[in-house]
Amino acid sequence: MTRAKREAPDSRRILPTPAMTCLRQLEMIDLIASLGGPYRPPVLLAEISARMPRKRVSKATVSSAQGFLRQGGLVESHGGAISLTAAGLRLAQLRGEDSGRARLFLCDLWKSTWPTTSAQQLLQQKPLSRTALAEQLRGPYAVERGLVLVDWLDYALIVHQDEEGLVHLPQAEPAGQPSPATTGLPLMRAEEISALPDDKFHAVMQAYGILLTSLRGSPTAA
């Protein structure tokens, strides 16, 4: 009985399927939004399978993606169908408008979830390789699922993988350089921000996140 209680939290931790990359799962969310529209009705797994962009995926693969996306607050399961939550629809809408804002939205949505808090704890002392972090996060699952989870965390700006392959917590600016949050953010178009190198992109997105958070908490911001 004691052992069951200790293992209960891990039993609720669902990792993404290794059968679809993070990008393909995002494309699936986009497709469900396109098929369902603003009222978010359930879309049949068979229809999602048949209409996936670029390359069709099996119904079983589509079904296997549900658990992690449901745990992440993006979809709801309806037997042989999937619908988006309000957050899932908003993510899809933002992806069509501005990929940077979509990633910031997901970062905020997942800020208190177990993948975020676990990754933050693991990377607090030093960066890890993508595989090493995946090994730490995977629990009883195959490492391939941990690797897809790391890719999701990178997409959500929760972690950042640098050119040397090390994954670390994003920093607003390298040590010794002024933060964009304090020196003023550059005025840039969405496509200019998206074209930045990964390290600069993460820095700018984090700075915008800090700014938006401060504005939400300011009594004069209306």
Protein backbone atom coordinates (compact mmCIF):
# COMPACT_ATOMS: atom_id res chain seq x y z
CA MET A 1 0.00 0.00 0.00
CA THR A 2 2.82 2.39 0.85
CA ARG A 3 4.55 1.53 -2.41
CA ALA A 4 1.36 2.23 -4.38
CA LYS A 5 1.12 5.65 -2.79
CA ARG A 6 4.72 6.44 -3.70
CA GLU A 7 4.19 5.44 -7.33
CA ALA A 8 0.84 7.18 -7.79
CA PRO A 9 2.28 10.55 -9.00
CA ASP A 10 4.41 8.82 -11.69
CA SER A 11 1.41 6.80 -12.91
CA ARG A 12 -0.30 10.07 -13.85
CA ARG A 13 2.69 11.34 -15.86
CA ILE A 14 2.00 10.76 -19.54
CA LEU A 15 4.80 11.27 -22.05
CA PRO A 16 4.27 12.06 -25.74
CA THR A 17 4.11 9.26 -28.26
CA PRO A 18 7.40 8.55 -30.08
CA ALA A 19 5.39 7.74 -33.22
CA MET A 20 4.93 11.45 -33.99
CA THR A 21 7.45 14.24 -33.65
CA CYS A 22 6.59 17.39 -31.74
CA LEU A 23 6.10 19.18 -35.08
CA ARG A 24 3.69 16.52 -36.35
CA GLN A 25 1.66 16.70 -33.13
CA LEU A 26 1.46 20.48 -33.53
CA GLU A 27 0.30 19.97 -37.12
CA MET A 28 -2.36 17.60 -35.79
CA ILE A 29 -3.61 20.32 -33.44
CA ASP A 30 -3.69 22.77 -36.36
CA LEU A 31 -5.66 20.26 -38.43
CA ILE A 32 -8.23 19.61 -35.69
CA ALA A 33 -8.70 23.38 -35.36
CA SER A 34 -9.20 23.68 -39.11
CA LEU A 35 -11.69 20.80 -39.26
CA GLY A 36 -13.60 21.71 -36.11
CA GLY A 37 -13.65 25.48 -36.28
CA PRO A 38 -14.36 27.84 -33.38
CA TYR A 39 -17.04 25.64 -31.78
CA ARG A 40 -14.50 22.82 -31.24
CA PRO A 41 -16.67 19.75 -32.03
CA PRO A 42 -15.05 16.30 -31.78
CA VAL A 43 -13.25 15.23 -34.97
CA LEU A 44 -13.05 11.54 -35.82
CA LEU A 45 -9.64 9.87 -35.50
CA ALA A 46 -10.12 8.41 -38.98
CA GLU A 47 -10.61 11.86 -40.50
CA ILE A 48 -7.55 13.26 -38.72
CA SER A 49 -5.53 10.26 -39.91
CA ALA A 50 -6.61 10.70 -43.52
CA ARG A 51 -6.11 14.47 -43.67
CA MET A 52 -2.79 14.96 -41.89
CA PRO A 53 -0.59 17.29 -43.98
CA ARG A 54 2.39 16.02 -45.99
CA LYS A 55 1.97 12.37 -45.04
CA ARG A 56 -0.93 10.34 -43.73
CA VAL A 57 -0.53 8.73 -40.30
CA SER A 58 -2.41 5.73 -38.97
CA LYS A 59 -5.48 6.02 -36.78
CA ALA A 60 -3.59 4.20 -34.03
CA THR A 61 -0.80 6.80 -34.16
CA VAL A 62 -3.30 9.66 -33.91
CA SER A 63 -4.92 7.92 -30.95
CA SER A 64 -1.54 7.43 -29.24
CA ALA A 65 -0.94 11.19 -29.25
CA GLN A 66 -4.04 11.93 -27.18
CA GLY A 67 -2.76 11.16 -23.69
CA PHE A 68 0.06 13.71 -23.54
CA LEU A 69 -1.94 16.41 -25.33
CA ARG A 70 -4.88 15.83 -23.00
CA GLN A 71 -2.59 16.02 -19.96
CA GLY A 72 -1.18 19.26 -21.39
CA GLY A 73 -4.64 20.83 -21.55
CA LEU A 74 -4.79 20.96 -25.36
CA VAL A 75 -7.29 18.24 -26.32
CA GLU A 76 -10.20 16.22 -24.98
CA SER A 77 -10.86 12.58 -25.88
CA HIS A 78 -14.26 11.32 -27.06
CA GLY A 79 -13.80 7.62 -27.74
CA GLY A 80 -13.02 7.55 -31.46
CA ALA A 81 -12.75 11.32 -31.76
CA ILE A 82 -10.74 14.26 -30.43
CA SER A 83 -11.73 17.87 -29.77
CA LEU A 84 -9.58 20.83 -28.85
CA THR A 85 -9.87 22.62 -25.55
CA ALA A 86 -10.13 26.40 -25.57
CA ALA A 87 -6.36 26.48 -24.95
CA GLY A 88 -5.71 24.06 -27.81
CA LEU A 89 -7.74 26.21 -30.20
CA ARG A 90 -5.94 29.34 -29.03
CA LEU A 91 -2.57 27.68 -29.62
CA ALA A 92 -3.58 26.75 -33.17
CA GLN A 93 -4.84 30.28 -33.84
CA LEU A 94 -1.62 31.83 -32.57
CA ARG A 95 0.47 29.42 -34.64
CA GLY A 96 -1.30 30.77 -37.71
CA GLU A 97 -0.59 34.37 -36.69
CA ASP A 98 2.76 34.48 -34.89
CA SER A 99 4.83 31.44 -33.94
CA GLY A 100 6.63 33.38 -31.19
CA ARG A 101 3.39 34.28 -29.43
CA ALA A 102 2.20 30.67 -29.79
CA ARG A 103 5.32 29.42 -28.03
CA LEU A 104 4.96 32.01 -25.27
CA PHE A 105 1.33 31.02 -24.81
CA LEU A 106 2.29 27.37 -24.36
CA CYS A 107 5.10 28.34 -21.98
CA ASP A 108 2.59 30.16 -19.78
CA LEU A 109 0.02 27.35 -20.04
CA TRP A 110 2.55 24.74 -18.92
CA LYS A 111 4.42 26.77 -16.31
CA SER A 112 3.11 24.69 -13.37
CA THR A 113 2.99 21.27 -15.05
CA TRP A 114 5.23 18.37 -14.06
CA PRO A 115 7.38 18.44 -17.24
CA THR A 116 8.23 22.10 -16.62
CA THR A 117 8.96 21.80 -12.91
CA SER A 118 10.93 18.57 -13.43
CA ALA A 119 13.07 20.04 -16.22
CA GLN A 120 13.71 23.19 -14.20
CA GLN A 121 14.89 21.15 -11.23
CA LEU A 122 17.13 18.95 -13.37
CA LEU A 123 18.75 21.86 -15.21
CA GLN A 124 19.12 24.21 -12.26
CA GLN A 125 22.72 23.21 -11.55
CA LYS A 126 24.07 22.56 -15.04
CA PRO A 127 22.97 21.92 -18.64
CA LEU A 128 22.45 18.37 -19.87
CA SER A 129 22.57 16.73 -23.26
CA ARG A 130 19.19 16.15 -24.90
CA THR A 131 19.51 12.40 -24.32
CA ALA A 132 20.57 12.79 -20.69
CA LEU A 133 17.61 15.06 -19.95
CA ALA A 134 15.27 12.65 -21.74
CA GLU A 135 16.62 9.80 -19.61
CA GLN A 136 15.87 11.77 -16.45
CA LEU A 137 12.35 12.71 -17.56
CA ARG A 138 11.19 9.45 -19.13
CA GLY A 139 10.35 7.55 -15.92
CA PRO A 140 9.30 3.98 -16.81
CA TYR A 141 8.85 4.81 -20.50
CA ALA A 142 11.22 4.34 -23.45
CA VAL A 143 13.83 7.06 -23.91
CA GLU A 144 12.32 7.92 -27.31
CA ARG A 145 9.29 9.33 -25.51
CA GLY A 146 11.56 11.38 -23.28
CA LEU A 147 13.29 12.81 -26.37
CA VAL A 148 9.97 13.98 -27.85
CA LEU A 149 9.12 15.54 -24.47
CA VAL A 150 12.39 17.51 -24.54
CA ASP A 151 11.47 18.75 -28.02
CA TRP A 152 8.06 19.89 -26.70
CA LEU A 153 9.76 21.74 -23.82
CA ASP A 154 12.09 23.42 -26.30
CA TYR A 155 9.15 24.47 -28.48
CA ALA A 156 7.40 25.90 -25.41
CA LEU A 157 10.51 27.96 -24.51
CA ILE A 158 10.80 26.12 -21.19
CA VAL A 159 14.26 24.84 -22.11
CA HIS A 160 16.72 25.77 -24.85
CA GLN A 161 19.02 23.48 -26.81
CA ASP A 162 22.18 25.29 -27.91
CA GLU A 163 24.42 24.69 -30.91
CA GLU A 164 26.59 22.30 -28.91
CA GLY A 165 23.61 20.07 -28.18
CA LEU A 166 23.31 21.02 -24.52
CA VAL A 167 19.90 21.75 -23.05
CA HIS A 168 19.66 24.48 -20.42
CA LEU A 169 17.16 26.88 -18.92
CA PRO A 170 16.69 29.96 -21.13
CA GLN A 171 18.50 33.12 -20.07
CA ALA A 172 17.38 36.60 -21.06
CA GLU A 173 20.94 37.49 -22.05
CA PRO A 174 24.41 35.99 -21.53
CA ALA A 175 26.04 36.90 -18.21
CA GLY A 176 27.50 40.39 -18.18
CA GLN A 177 25.19 41.74 -20.88
CA PRO A 178 22.15 43.94 -20.20
CA SER A 179 18.76 42.29 -20.34
CA PRO A 180 16.32 43.39 -23.09
CA ALA A 181 13.68 43.62 -20.36
CA THR A 182 15.60 46.49 -18.76
CA THR A 183 17.13 48.18 -21.80
CA GLY A 184 13.96 48.22 -23.91
CA LEU A 185 12.79 45.63 -26.42
CA PRO A 186 13.57 46.11 -30.11
CA LEU A 187 10.65 46.77 -32.43
CA MET A 188 10.67 43.78 -34.74
CA ARG A 189 8.19 42.20 -37.10
CA ALA A 190 7.04 38.64 -36.34
CA GLU A 191 8.96 37.22 -39.30
CA GLU A 192 12.14 38.97 -38.15
CA ILE A 193 11.82 37.45 -34.68
CA SER A 194 11.12 33.98 -36.12
CA ALA A 195 14.26 34.26 -38.28
CA LEU A 196 16.56 34.92 -35.31
CA PRO A 197 19.09 32.25 -34.26
CA ASP A 198 17.69 29.99 -31.53
CA ASP A 199 19.60 31.58 -28.66
CA LYS A 200 18.53 35.12 -29.65
CA PHE A 201 14.97 33.95 -30.28
CA HIS A 202 14.72 32.46 -26.79
CA ALA A 203 16.19 35.63 -25.26
CA VAL A 204 13.74 37.93 -27.06
CA MET A 205 10.76 35.69 -26.30
CA GLN A 206 11.68 35.48 -22.62
CA ALA A 207 12.05 39.26 -22.48
CA TYR A 208 8.63 39.73 -24.07
CA GLY A 209 7.21 37.24 -21.57
CA ILE A 210 8.68 39.19 -18.66
CA LEU A 211 7.28 42.42 -20.08
CA LEU A 212 3.79 40.99 -20.61
CA THR A 213 3.76 39.50 -17.11
CA SER A 214 4.74 42.84 -15.60
CA LEU A 215 2.08 44.67 -17.60
CA ARG A 216 -0.61 42.22 -16.46
CA GLY A 217 0.39 42.85 -12.87
CA SER A 218 0.52 46.63 -13.20
CA PRO A 219 -2.54 48.56 -11.93
CA THR A 220 -1.97 51.19 -14.64
CA ALA A 221 -1.96 48.65 -17.48
CA ALA A 222 -5.42 48.54 -19.01
